[in-house]
Amino acid sequence: VSSALANGVAEEILYRGFLCKRLCSKFGTVPGLVVQAVLFGLMHNALYILAGIPVDFSYHLLMFLFTGTGALLLGFLNEKIYNGSLWPSILLHGMGNFIGSLCTAFGLY
């Protein structure tokens, strides 16, 4: 539950609420969405590196592609479908984190 609330809300406010909105206003919607998605994907890779968790390159690649694609879709959802509202992406991100945590806790990965 804490992962769903804390990480989902904090990451959405930072990446889609702050970063994406500034990048989209400065460079346009599509470039802004792509850059925030790349940064979001790289951040998830950096967490494994900084924590010293040994994973191979294919894991890093999949993590980057999965989280980056999710960030791109959540950014598109916010900017193009819900007129800049963060609520849809906060709810989806929180649910994704919650489900991922349950899968990890019960070995369903």
PDB file of N, CA and C in Angstrom:
ATOM      1  N   VAL A   1       0.833  -1.195   0.000  1.00  0.00           N
ATOM      2  CA  VAL A   1       0.000   0.000   0.000  1.00  0.00           C
ATOM      3  C   VAL A   1       0.872   1.251   0.000  1.00  0.00           C
ATOM      4  N   SER A   2       1.956   1.222   0.777  1.00  0.00           N
ATOM      5  CA  SER A   2       2.824   2.411   0.810  1.00  0.00           C
ATOM      6  C   SER A   2       3.478   2.646  -0.541  1.00  0.00           C
ATOM      7  N   SER A   3       3.832   1.584  -1.247  1.00  0.00           N
ATOM      8  CA  SER A   3       4.412   1.726  -2.579  1.00  0.00           C
ATOM      9  C   SER A   3       3.416   2.363  -3.537  1.00  0.00           C
ATOM     10  N   ALA A   4       2.169   1.939  -3.447  1.00  0.00           N
ATOM     11  CA  ALA A   4       1.133   2.495  -4.325  1.00  0.00           C
ATOM     12  C   ALA A   4       0.920   3.964  -4.048  1.00  0.00           C
ATOM     13  N   LEU A   5       0.868   4.313  -2.767  1.00  0.00           N
ATOM     14  CA  LEU A   5       0.590   5.704  -2.412  1.00  0.00           C
ATOM     15  C   LEU A   5       1.818   6.596  -2.550  1.00  0.00           C
ATOM     16  N   ALA A   6       2.896   6.227  -1.880  1.00  0.00           N
ATOM     17  CA  ALA A   6       4.064   7.102  -1.843  1.00  0.00           C
ATOM     18  C   ALA A   6       4.760   7.196  -3.199  1.00  0.00           C
ATOM     19  N   ASN A   7       5.142   6.073  -3.760  1.00  0.00           N
ATOM     20  CA  ASN A   7       5.879   6.106  -5.026  1.00  0.00           C
ATOM     21  C   ASN A   7       5.017   6.594  -6.176  1.00  0.00           C
ATOM     22  N   GLY A   8       3.808   6.057  -6.275  1.00  0.00           N
ATOM     23  CA  GLY A   8       2.934   6.457  -7.381  1.00  0.00           C
ATOM     24  C   GLY A   8       2.651   7.947  -7.379  1.00  0.00           C
ATOM     25  N   VAL A   9       2.289   8.484  -6.235  1.00  0.00           N
ATOM     26  CA  VAL A   9       1.966   9.912  -6.150  1.00  0.00           C
ATOM     27  C   VAL A   9       3.215  10.766  -6.368  1.00  0.00           C
ATOM     28  N   ALA A  10       4.299  10.424  -5.670  1.00  0.00           N
ATOM     29  CA  ALA A  10       5.516  11.234  -5.772  1.00  0.00           C
ATOM     30  C   ALA A  10       6.092  11.223  -7.191  1.00  0.00           C
ATOM     31  N   GLU A  11       6.158  10.053  -7.803  1.00  0.00           N
ATOM     32  CA  GLU A  11       6.714   9.970  -9.153  1.00  0.00           C
ATOM     33  C   GLU A  11       5.822  10.675 -10.168  1.00  0.00           C
ATOM     34  N   GLU A  12       4.528  10.581 -10.026  1.00  0.00           N
ATOM     35  CA  GLU A  12       3.634  11.269 -10.955  1.00  0.00           C
ATOM     36  C   GLU A  12       3.737  12.790 -10.805  1.00  0.00           C
ATOM     37  N   ILE A  13       3.811  13.265  -9.588  1.00  0.00           N
ATOM     38  CA  ILE A  13       3.944  14.713  -9.387  1.00  0.00           C
ATOM     39  C   ILE A  13       5.262  15.199  -9.968  1.00  0.00           C
ATOM     40  N   LEU A  14       6.350  14.467  -9.733  1.00  0.00           N
ATOM     41  CA  LEU A  14       7.654  14.886 -10.235  1.00  0.00           C
ATOM     42  C   LEU A  14       7.759  14.751 -11.750  1.00  0.00           C
ATOM     43  N   TYR A  15       7.475  13.566 -12.277  1.00  0.00           N
ATOM     44  CA  TYR A  15       7.720  13.317 -13.699  1.00  0.00           C
ATOM     45  C   TYR A  15       6.625  13.850 -14.611  1.00  0.00           C
ATOM     46  N   ARG A  16       5.365  13.545 -14.344  1.00  0.00           N
ATOM     47  CA  ARG A  16       4.300  14.017 -15.222  1.00  0.00           C
ATOM     48  C   ARG A  16       3.806  15.398 -14.826  1.00  0.00           C
ATOM     49  N   GLY A  17       3.779  15.715 -13.547  1.00  0.00           N
ATOM     50  CA  GLY A  17       3.277  17.012 -13.105  1.00  0.00           C
ATOM     51  C   GLY A  17       4.265  18.139 -13.278  1.00  0.00           C
ATOM     52  N   PHE A  18       5.515  17.909 -12.933  1.00  0.00           N
ATOM     53  CA  PHE A  18       6.521  18.969 -13.002  1.00  0.00           C
ATOM     54  C   PHE A  18       7.338  18.886 -14.288  1.00  0.00           C
ATOM     55  N   LEU A  19       8.064  17.800 -14.449  1.00  0.00           N
ATOM     56  CA  LEU A  19       9.005  17.671 -15.551  1.00  0.00           C
ATOM     57  C   LEU A  19       8.318  17.655 -16.916  1.00  0.00           C
ATOM     58  N   CYS A  20       7.316  16.828 -17.067  1.00  0.00           N
ATOM     59  CA  CYS A  20       6.646  16.695 -18.364  1.00  0.00           C
ATOM     60  C   CYS A  20       5.995  18.004 -18.793  1.00  0.00           C
ATOM     61  N   LYS A  21       5.347  18.674 -17.880  1.00  0.00           N
ATOM     62  CA  LYS A  21       4.666  19.920 -18.236  1.00  0.00           C
ATOM     63  C   LYS A  21       5.668  20.976 -18.696  1.00  0.00           C
ATOM     64  N   ARG A  22       6.821  21.056 -18.035  1.00  0.00           N
ATOM     65  CA  ARG A  22       7.833  22.027 -18.448  1.00  0.00           C
ATOM     66  C   ARG A  22       8.465  21.654 -19.788  1.00  0.00           C
ATOM     67  N   LEU A  23       8.773  20.378 -19.964  1.00  0.00           N
ATOM     68  CA  LEU A  23       9.360  19.933 -21.226  1.00  0.00           C
ATOM     69  C   LEU A  23       8.382  20.108 -22.383  1.00  0.00           C
ATOM     70  N   CYS A  24       7.113  19.786 -22.159  1.00  0.00           N
ATOM     71  CA  CYS A  24       6.099  19.934 -23.213  1.00  0.00           C
ATOM     72  C   CYS A  24       5.895  21.394 -23.589  1.00  0.00           C
ATOM     73  N   SER A  25       5.916  22.279 -22.615  1.00  0.00           N
ATOM     74  CA  SER A  25       5.724  23.701 -22.935  1.00  0.00           C
ATOM     75  C   SER A  25       6.949  24.284 -23.634  1.00  0.00           C
ATOM     76  N   LYS A  26       8.127  23.760 -23.331  1.00  0.00           N
ATOM     77  CA  LYS A  26       9.342  24.295 -23.940  1.00  0.00           C
ATOM     78  C   LYS A  26       9.639  23.688 -25.313  1.00  0.00           C
ATOM     79  N   PHE A  27       9.443  22.374 -25.459  1.00  0.00           N
ATOM     80  CA  PHE A  27       9.848  21.682 -26.684  1.00  0.00           C
ATOM     81  C   PHE A  27       8.693  21.128 -27.508  1.00  0.00           C
ATOM     82  N   GLY A  28       7.474  21.186 -27.000  1.00  0.00           N
ATOM     83  CA  GLY A  28       6.333  20.599 -27.676  1.00  0.00           C
ATOM     84  C   GLY A  28       5.902  19.328 -26.976  1.00  0.00           C
ATOM     85  N   THR A  29       4.684  18.911 -27.244  1.00  0.00           N
ATOM     86  CA  THR A  29       4.109  17.782 -26.520  1.00  0.00           C
ATOM     87  C   THR A  29       4.851  16.474 -26.760  1.00  0.00           C
ATOM     88  N   VAL A  30       5.058  16.110 -28.004  1.00  0.00           N
ATOM     89  CA  VAL A  30       5.676  14.810 -28.288  1.00  0.00           C
ATOM     90  C   VAL A  30       7.117  14.743 -27.772  1.00  0.00           C
ATOM     91  N   PRO A  31       7.977  15.721 -28.074  1.00  0.00           N
ATOM     92  CA  PRO A  31       9.333  15.643 -27.509  1.00  0.00           C
ATOM     93  C   PRO A  31       9.339  15.658 -25.979  1.00  0.00           C
ATOM     94  N   GLY A  32       8.477  16.448 -25.374  1.00  0.00           N
ATOM     95  CA  GLY A  32       8.403  16.496 -23.918  1.00  0.00           C
ATOM     96  C   GLY A  32       7.993  15.170 -23.319  1.00  0.00           C
ATOM     97  N   LEU A  33       7.003  14.529 -23.940  1.00  0.00           N
ATOM     98  CA  LEU A  33       6.561  13.215 -23.466  1.00  0.00           C
ATOM     99  C   LEU A  33       7.675  12.179 -23.597  1.00  0.00           C
ATOM    100  N   VAL A  34       8.384  12.200 -24.708  1.00  0.00           N
ATOM    101  CA  VAL A  34       9.449  11.219 -24.938  1.00  0.00           C
ATOM    102  C   VAL A  34      10.596  11.424 -23.948  1.00  0.00           C
ATOM    103  N   VAL A  35      11.016  12.669 -23.734  1.00  0.00           N
ATOM    104  CA  VAL A  35      12.140  12.930 -22.832  1.00  0.00           C
ATOM    105  C   VAL A  35      11.791  12.531 -21.405  1.00  0.00           C
ATOM    106  N   GLN A  36      10.602  12.880 -20.929  1.00  0.00           N
ATOM    107  CA  GLN A  36      10.246  12.497 -19.560  1.00  0.00           C
ATOM    108  C   GLN A  36      10.157  10.989 -19.425  1.00  0.00           C
ATOM    109  N   ALA A  37       9.713  10.304 -20.481  1.00  0.00           N
ATOM    110  CA  ALA A  37       9.626   8.836 -20.441  1.00  0.00           C
ATOM    111  C   ALA A  37      11.017   8.207 -20.383  1.00  0.00           C
ATOM    112  N   VAL A  38      11.948   8.737 -21.170  1.00  0.00           N
ATOM    113  CA  VAL A  38      13.323   8.221 -21.145  1.00  0.00           C
ATOM    114  C   VAL A  38      13.940   8.436 -19.768  1.00  0.00           C
ATOM    115  N   LEU A  39      13.762   9.623 -19.211  1.00  0.00           N
ATOM    116  CA  LEU A  39      14.310   9.913 -17.879  1.00  0.00           C
ATOM    117  C   LEU A  39      13.682   9.011 -16.810  1.00  0.00           C
ATOM    118  N   PHE A  40      12.399   8.761 -16.934  1.00  0.00           N
ATOM    119  CA  PHE A  40      11.709   7.889 -15.981  1.00  0.00           C
ATOM    120  C   PHE A  40      12.256   6.465 -16.069  1.00  0.00           C
ATOM    121  N   GLY A  41      12.446   5.968 -17.280  1.00  0.00           N
ATOM    122  CA  GLY A  41      13.014   4.633 -17.464  1.00  0.00           C
ATOM    123  C   GLY A  41      14.430   4.530 -16.929  1.00  0.00           C
ATOM    124  N   LEU A  42      15.247   5.538 -17.207  1.00  0.00           N
ATOM    125  CA  LEU A  42      16.627   5.536 -16.720  1.00  0.00           C
ATOM    126  C   LEU A  42      16.692   5.611 -15.202  1.00  0.00           C
ATOM    127  N   MET A  43      15.762   6.357 -14.601  1.00  0.00           N
ATOM    128  CA  MET A  43      15.738   6.458 -13.145  1.00  0.00           C
ATOM    129  C   MET A  43      15.517   5.095 -12.511  1.00  0.00           C
ATOM    130  N   HIS A  44      14.664   4.281 -13.101  1.00  0.00           N
ATOM    131  CA  HIS A  44      14.415   2.957 -12.540  1.00  0.00           C
ATOM    132  C   HIS A  44      15.639   2.057 -12.690  1.00  0.00           C
ATOM    133  N   ASN A  45      16.406   2.236 -13.766  1.00  0.00           N
ATOM    134  CA  ASN A  45      17.657   1.493 -13.895  1.00  0.00           C
ATOM    135  C   ASN A  45      18.675   1.974 -12.867  1.00  0.00           C
ATOM    136  N   ALA A  46      18.749   3.269 -12.666  1.00  0.00           N
ATOM    137  CA  ALA A  46      19.713   3.828 -11.717  1.00  0.00           C
ATOM    138  C   ALA A  46      19.451   3.336 -10.297  1.00  0.00           C
ATOM    139  N   LEU A  47      18.201   3.097  -9.956  1.00  0.00           N
ATOM    140  CA  LEU A  47      17.883   2.598  -8.613  1.00  0.00           C
ATOM    141  C   LEU A  47      18.544   1.248  -8.349  1.00  0.00           C
ATOM    142  N   TYR A  48      18.546   0.367  -9.335  1.00  0.00           N
ATOM    143  CA  TYR A  48      19.197  -0.929  -9.169  1.00  0.00           C
ATOM    144  C   TYR A  48      20.713  -0.766  -9.047  1.00  0.00           C
ATOM    145  N   ILE A  49      21.271   0.114  -9.852  1.00  0.00           N
ATOM    146  CA  ILE A  49      22.718   0.333  -9.825  1.00  0.00           C
ATOM    147  C   ILE A  49      23.141   0.943  -8.487  1.00  0.00           C
ATOM    148  N   LEU A  50      22.427   1.976  -8.049  1.00  0.00           N
ATOM    149  CA  LEU A  50      22.767   2.642  -6.789  1.00  0.00           C
ATOM    150  C   LEU A  50      22.572   1.722  -5.581  1.00  0.00           C
ATOM    151  N   ALA A  51      21.601   0.834  -5.650  1.00  0.00           N
ATOM    152  CA  ALA A  51      21.359  -0.096  -4.551  1.00  0.00           C
ATOM    153  C   ALA A  51      22.326  -1.274  -4.574  1.00  0.00           C
ATOM    154  N   GLY A  52      23.101  -1.386  -5.645  1.00  0.00           N
ATOM    155  CA  GLY A  52      24.060  -2.483  -5.754  1.00  0.00           C
ATOM    156  C   GLY A  52      23.420  -3.825  -6.032  1.00  0.00           C
ATOM    157  N   ILE A  53      22.241  -3.807  -6.640  1.00  0.00           N
ATOM    158  CA  ILE A  53      21.545  -5.056  -6.956  1.00  0.00           C
ATOM    159  C   ILE A  53      22.079  -5.565  -8.293  1.00  0.00           C
ATOM    160  N   PRO A  54      22.719  -6.724  -8.287  1.00  0.00           N
ATOM    161  CA  PRO A  54      23.324  -7.217  -9.535  1.00  0.00           C
ATOM    162  C   PRO A  54      22.275  -7.825 -10.473  1.00  0.00           C
ATOM    163  N   VAL A  55      22.018  -7.130 -11.545  1.00  0.00           N
ATOM    164  CA  VAL A  55      21.126  -7.643 -12.594  1.00  0.00           C
ATOM    165  C   VAL A  55      21.857  -7.516 -13.922  1.00  0.00           C
ATOM    166  N   ASP A  56      21.526  -8.372 -14.862  1.00  0.00           N
ATOM    167  CA  ASP A  56      22.226  -8.335 -16.137  1.00  0.00           C
ATOM    168  C   ASP A  56      21.618  -7.282 -17.069  1.00  0.00           C
ATOM    169  N   PHE A  57      22.275  -7.102 -18.199  1.00  0.00           N
ATOM    170  CA  PHE A  57      21.878  -6.056 -19.141  1.00  0.00           C
ATOM    171  C   PHE A  57      20.455  -6.258 -19.655  1.00  0.00           C
ATOM    172  N   SER A  58      20.064  -7.506 -19.889  1.00  0.00           N
ATOM    173  CA  SER A  58      18.715  -7.748 -20.413  1.00  0.00           C
ATOM    174  C   SER A  58      17.650  -7.294 -19.413  1.00  0.00           C
ATOM    175  N   TYR A  59      17.929  -7.456 -18.114  1.00  0.00           N
ATOM    176  CA  TYR A  59      16.992  -6.978 -17.106  1.00  0.00           C
ATOM    177  C   TYR A  59      16.896  -5.455 -17.150  1.00  0.00           C
ATOM    178  N   HIS A  60      18.061  -4.785 -17.242  1.00  0.00           N
ATOM    179  CA  HIS A  60      18.061  -3.323 -17.347  1.00  0.00           C
ATOM    180  C   HIS A  60      17.293  -2.868 -18.583  1.00  0.00           C
ATOM    181  N   LEU A  61      17.500  -3.552 -19.685  1.00  0.00           N
ATOM    182  CA  LEU A  61      16.813  -3.190 -20.924  1.00  0.00           C
ATOM    183  C   LEU A  61      15.305  -3.351 -20.781  1.00  0.00           C
ATOM    184  N   LEU A  62      14.876  -4.484 -20.232  1.00  0.00           N
ATOM    185  CA  LEU A  62      13.444  -4.701 -20.039  1.00  0.00           C
ATOM    186  C   LEU A  62      12.848  -3.703 -19.050  1.00  0.00           C
ATOM    187  N   MET A  63      13.563  -3.409 -17.978  1.00  0.00           N
ATOM    188  CA  MET A  63      13.095  -2.430 -16.998  1.00  0.00           C
ATOM    189  C   MET A  63      12.938  -1.057 -17.652  1.00  0.00           C
ATOM    190  N   PHE A  64      13.932  -0.664 -18.444  1.00  0.00           N
ATOM    191  CA  PHE A  64      13.866   0.624 -19.132  1.00  0.00           C
ATOM    192  C   PHE A  64      12.692   0.661 -20.104  1.00  0.00           C
ATOM    193  N   LEU A  65      12.537  -0.377 -20.901  1.00  0.00           N
ATOM    194  CA  LEU A  65      11.450  -0.402 -21.888  1.00  0.00           C
ATOM    195  C   LEU A  65      10.080  -0.423 -21.215  1.00  0.00           C
ATOM    196  N   PHE A  66       9.929  -1.219 -20.173  1.00  0.00           N
ATOM    197  CA  PHE A  66       8.645  -1.324 -19.494  1.00  0.00           C
ATOM    198  C   PHE A  66       8.276  -0.015 -18.801  1.00  0.00           C
ATOM    199  N   THR A  67       9.179   0.520 -17.986  1.00  0.00           N
ATOM    200  CA  THR A  67       8.857   1.746 -17.247  1.00  0.00           C
ATOM    201  C   THR A  67       8.806   2.958 -18.171  1.00  0.00           C
ATOM    202  N   GLY A  68       9.680   2.985 -19.172  1.00  0.00           N
ATOM    203  CA  GLY A  68       9.658   4.096 -20.122  1.00  0.00           C
ATOM    204  C   GLY A  68       8.381   4.121 -20.948  1.00  0.00           C
ATOM    205  N   THR A  69       7.934   2.949 -21.396  1.00  0.00           N
ATOM    206  CA  THR A  69       6.686   2.868 -22.152  1.00  0.00           C
ATOM    207  C   THR A  69       5.501   3.262 -21.273  1.00  0.00           C
ATOM    208  N   GLY A  70       5.510   2.796 -20.034  1.00  0.00           N
ATOM    209  CA  GLY A  70       4.455   3.191 -19.101  1.00  0.00           C
ATOM    210  C   GLY A  70       4.423   4.698 -18.892  1.00  0.00           C
ATOM    211  N   ALA A  71       5.599   5.298 -18.743  1.00  0.00           N
ATOM    212  CA  ALA A  71       5.680   6.749 -18.557  1.00  0.00           C
ATOM    213  C   ALA A  71       5.172   7.494 -19.783  1.00  0.00           C
ATOM    214  N   LEU A  72       5.492   6.973 -20.958  1.00  0.00           N
ATOM    215  CA  LEU A  72       5.017   7.598 -22.192  1.00  0.00           C
ATOM    216  C   LEU A  72       3.495   7.542 -22.271  1.00  0.00           C
ATOM    217  N   LEU A  73       2.929   6.395 -21.960  1.00  0.00           N
ATOM    218  CA  LEU A  73       1.472   6.244 -21.990  1.00  0.00           C
ATOM    219  C   LEU A  73       0.778   7.084 -20.917  1.00  0.00           C
ATOM    220  N   LEU A  74       1.349   7.121 -19.715  1.00  0.00           N
ATOM    221  CA  LEU A  74       0.755   7.938 -18.653  1.00  0.00           C
ATOM    222  C   LEU A  74       0.843   9.425 -18.995  1.00  0.00           C
ATOM    223  N   GLY A  75       1.963   9.845 -19.567  1.00  0.00           N
ATOM    224  CA  GLY A  75       2.096  11.238 -19.985  1.00  0.00           C
ATOM    225  C   GLY A  75       1.090  11.593 -21.064  1.00  0.00           C
ATOM    226  N   PHE A  76       0.919  10.707 -22.044  1.00  0.00           N
ATOM    227  CA  PHE A  76      -0.062  10.926 -23.106  1.00  0.00           C
ATOM    228  C   PHE A  76      -1.466  11.006 -22.521  1.00  0.00           C
ATOM    229  N   LEU A  77      -1.766  10.107 -21.600  1.00  0.00           N
ATOM    230  CA  LEU A  77      -3.069  10.102 -20.932  1.00  0.00           C
ATOM    231  C   LEU A  77      -3.331  11.446 -20.261  1.00  0.00           C
ATOM    232  N   ASN A  78      -2.345  11.937 -19.531  1.00  0.00           N
ATOM    233  CA  ASN A  78      -2.501  13.221 -18.833  1.00  0.00           C
ATOM    234  C   ASN A  78      -2.651  14.381 -19.796  1.00  0.00           C
ATOM    235  N   GLU A  79      -1.736  14.482 -20.740  1.00  0.00           N
ATOM    236  CA  GLU A  79      -1.652  15.672 -21.584  1.00  0.00           C
ATOM    237  C   GLU A  79      -2.709  15.718 -22.683  1.00  0.00           C
ATOM    238  N   LYS A  80      -3.052  14.575 -23.247  1.00  0.00           N
ATOM    239  CA  LYS A  80      -3.932  14.575 -24.414  1.00  0.00           C
ATOM    240  C   LYS A  80      -5.370  14.154 -24.125  1.00  0.00           C
ATOM    241  N   ILE A  81      -5.575  13.307 -23.142  1.00  0.00           N
ATOM    242  CA  ILE A  81      -6.926  12.792 -22.908  1.00  0.00           C
ATOM    243  C   ILE A  81      -7.599  13.490 -21.734  1.00  0.00           C
ATOM    244  N   TYR A  82      -6.840  13.741 -20.658  1.00  0.00           N
ATOM    245  CA  TYR A  82      -7.430  14.317 -19.447  1.00  0.00           C
ATOM    246  C   TYR A  82      -7.003  15.758 -19.192  1.00  0.00           C
ATOM    247  N   ASN A  83      -6.624  16.479 -20.232  1.00  0.00           N
ATOM    248  CA  ASN A  83      -6.355  17.923 -20.165  1.00  0.00           C
ATOM    249  C   ASN A  83      -5.408  18.324 -19.048  1.00  0.00           C
ATOM    250  N   GLY A  84      -4.352  17.550 -18.825  1.00  0.00           N
ATOM    251  CA  GLY A  84      -3.329  17.902 -17.846  1.00  0.00           C
ATOM    252  C   GLY A  84      -3.566  17.387 -16.442  1.00  0.00           C
ATOM    253  N   SER A  85      -4.670  16.706 -16.197  1.00  0.00           N
ATOM    254  CA  SER A  85      -4.948  16.182 -14.858  1.00  0.00           C
ATOM    255  C   SER A  85      -4.005  15.019 -14.539  1.00  0.00           C
ATOM    256  N   LEU A  86      -3.483  15.014 -13.323  1.00  0.00           N
ATOM    257  CA  LEU A  86      -2.600  13.936 -12.879  1.00  0.00           C
ATOM    258  C   LEU A  86      -3.346  12.757 -12.256  1.00  0.00           C
ATOM    259  N   TRP A  87      -4.606  12.930 -11.932  1.00  0.00           N
ATOM    260  CA  TRP A  87      -5.340  11.890 -11.215  1.00  0.00           C
ATOM    261  C   TRP A  87      -5.376  10.542 -11.932  1.00  0.00           C
ATOM    262  N   PRO A  88      -5.627  10.492 -13.239  1.00  0.00           N
ATOM    263  CA  PRO A  88      -5.646   9.175 -13.892  1.00  0.00           C
ATOM    264  C   PRO A  88      -4.301   8.456 -13.793  1.00  0.00           C
ATOM    265  N   SER A  89      -3.210   9.191 -14.008  1.00  0.00           N
ATOM    266  CA  SER A  89      -1.903   8.531 -13.950  1.00  0.00           C
ATOM    267  C   SER A  89      -1.517   8.181 -12.517  1.00  0.00           C
ATOM    268  N   ILE A  90      -1.912   8.985 -11.547  1.00  0.00           N
ATOM    269  CA  ILE A  90      -1.646   8.646 -10.145  1.00  0.00           C
ATOM    270  C   ILE A  90      -2.354   7.341  -9.785  1.00  0.00           C
ATOM    271  N   LEU A  91      -3.607   7.219 -10.191  1.00  0.00           N
ATOM    272  CA  LEU A  91      -4.363   5.995  -9.883  1.00  0.00           C
ATOM    273  C   LEU A  91      -3.784   4.772 -10.596  1.00  0.00           C
ATOM    274  N   LEU A  92      -3.468   4.904 -11.879  1.00  0.00           N
ATOM    275  CA  LEU A  92      -2.915   3.776 -12.626  1.00  0.00           C
ATOM    276  C   LEU A  92      -1.529   3.389 -12.125  1.00  0.00           C
ATOM    277  N   HIS A  93      -0.687   4.372 -11.859  1.00  0.00           N
ATOM    278  CA  HIS A  93       0.654   4.109 -11.360  1.00  0.00           C
ATOM    279  C   HIS A  93       0.573   3.432  -9.990  1.00  0.00           C
ATOM    280  N   GLY A  94      -0.293   3.932  -9.138  1.00  0.00           N
ATOM    281  CA  GLY A  94      -0.466   3.330  -7.814  1.00  0.00           C
ATOM    282  C   GLY A  94      -0.949   1.897  -7.902  1.00  0.00           C
ATOM    283  N   MET A  95      -1.914   1.646  -8.780  1.00  0.00           N
ATOM    284  CA  MET A  95      -2.411   0.273  -8.952  1.00  0.00           C
ATOM    285  C   MET A  95      -1.320  -0.641  -9.506  1.00  0.00           C
ATOM    286  N   GLY A  96      -0.545  -0.135 -10.456  1.00  0.00           N
ATOM    287  CA  GLY A  96       0.554  -0.930 -11.011  1.00  0.00           C
ATOM    288  C   GLY A  96       1.585  -1.285  -9.961  1.00  0.00           C
ATOM    289  N   ASN A  97       1.958  -0.314  -9.124  1.00  0.00           N
ATOM    290  CA  ASN A  97       2.908  -0.584  -8.043  1.00  0.00           C
ATOM    291  C   ASN A  97       2.331  -1.582  -7.041  1.00  0.00           C
ATOM    292  N   PHE A  98       1.066  -1.428  -6.731  1.00  0.00           N
ATOM    293  CA  PHE A  98       0.420  -2.326  -5.773  1.00  0.00           C
ATOM    294  C   PHE A  98       0.405  -3.761  -6.298  1.00  0.00           C
ATOM    295  N   ILE A  99       0.017  -3.933  -7.549  1.00  0.00           N
ATOM    296  CA  ILE A  99      -0.020  -5.264  -8.151  1.00  0.00           C
ATOM    297  C   ILE A  99       1.388  -5.849  -8.258  1.00  0.00           C
ATOM    298  N   GLY A 100       2.353  -5.018  -8.648  1.00  0.00           N
ATOM    299  CA  GLY A 100       3.739  -5.481  -8.720  1.00  0.00           C
ATOM    300  C   GLY A 100       4.270  -5.915  -7.368  1.00  0.00           C
ATOM    301  N   SER A 101       3.928  -5.168  -6.327  1.00  0.00           N
ATOM    302  CA  SER A 101       4.356  -5.534  -4.971  1.00  0.00           C
ATOM    303  C   SER A 101       3.729  -6.847  -4.526  1.00  0.00           C
ATOM    304  N   LEU A 102       2.461  -7.037  -4.840  1.00  0.00           N
ATOM    305  CA  LEU A 102       1.806  -8.298  -4.496  1.00  0.00           C
ATOM    306  C   LEU A 102       2.438  -9.472  -5.238  1.00  0.00           C
ATOM    307  N   CYS A 103       2.735  -9.289  -6.506  1.00  0.00           N
ATOM    308  CA  CYS A 103       3.368 -10.351  -7.284  1.00  0.00           C
ATOM    309  C   CYS A 103       4.739 -10.709  -6.716  1.00  0.00           C
ATOM    310  N   THR A 104       5.498  -9.698  -6.316  1.00  0.00           N
ATOM    311  CA  THR A 104       6.803  -9.947  -5.715  1.00  0.00           C
ATOM    312  C   THR A 104       6.662 -10.649  -4.374  1.00  0.00           C
ATOM    313  N   ALA A 105       5.742 -10.181  -3.559  1.00  0.00           N
ATOM    314  CA  ALA A 105       5.553 -10.757  -2.219  1.00  0.00           C
ATOM    315  C   ALA A 105       5.127 -12.220  -2.287  1.00  0.00           C
ATOM    316  N   PHE A 106       4.330 -12.575  -3.280  1.00  0.00           N
ATOM    317  CA  PHE A 106       3.827 -13.936  -3.367  1.00  0.00           C
ATOM    318  C   PHE A 106       4.520 -14.778  -4.440  1.00  0.00           C
ATOM    319  N   GLY A 107       5.628 -14.256  -4.979  1.00  0.00           N
ATOM    320  CA  GLY A 107       6.416 -15.018  -5.951  1.00  0.00           C
ATOM    321  C   GLY A 107       5.710 -15.262  -7.257  1.00  0.00           C
ATOM    322  N   LEU A 108       4.877 -14.317  -7.690  1.00  0.00           N
ATOM    323  CA  LEU A 108       4.110 -14.482  -8.930  1.00  0.00           C
ATOM    324  C   LEU A 108       4.718 -13.685 -10.086  1.00  0.00           C
ATOM    325  N   TYR A 109       5.996 -13.756 -10.269  1.00  0.00           N
ATOM    326  CA  TYR A 109       6.652 -12.990 -11.332  1.00  0.00           C
ATOM    327  C   TYR A 109       7.306 -13.894 -12.319  1.00  0.00           C
TER     328      TYR A 109
END
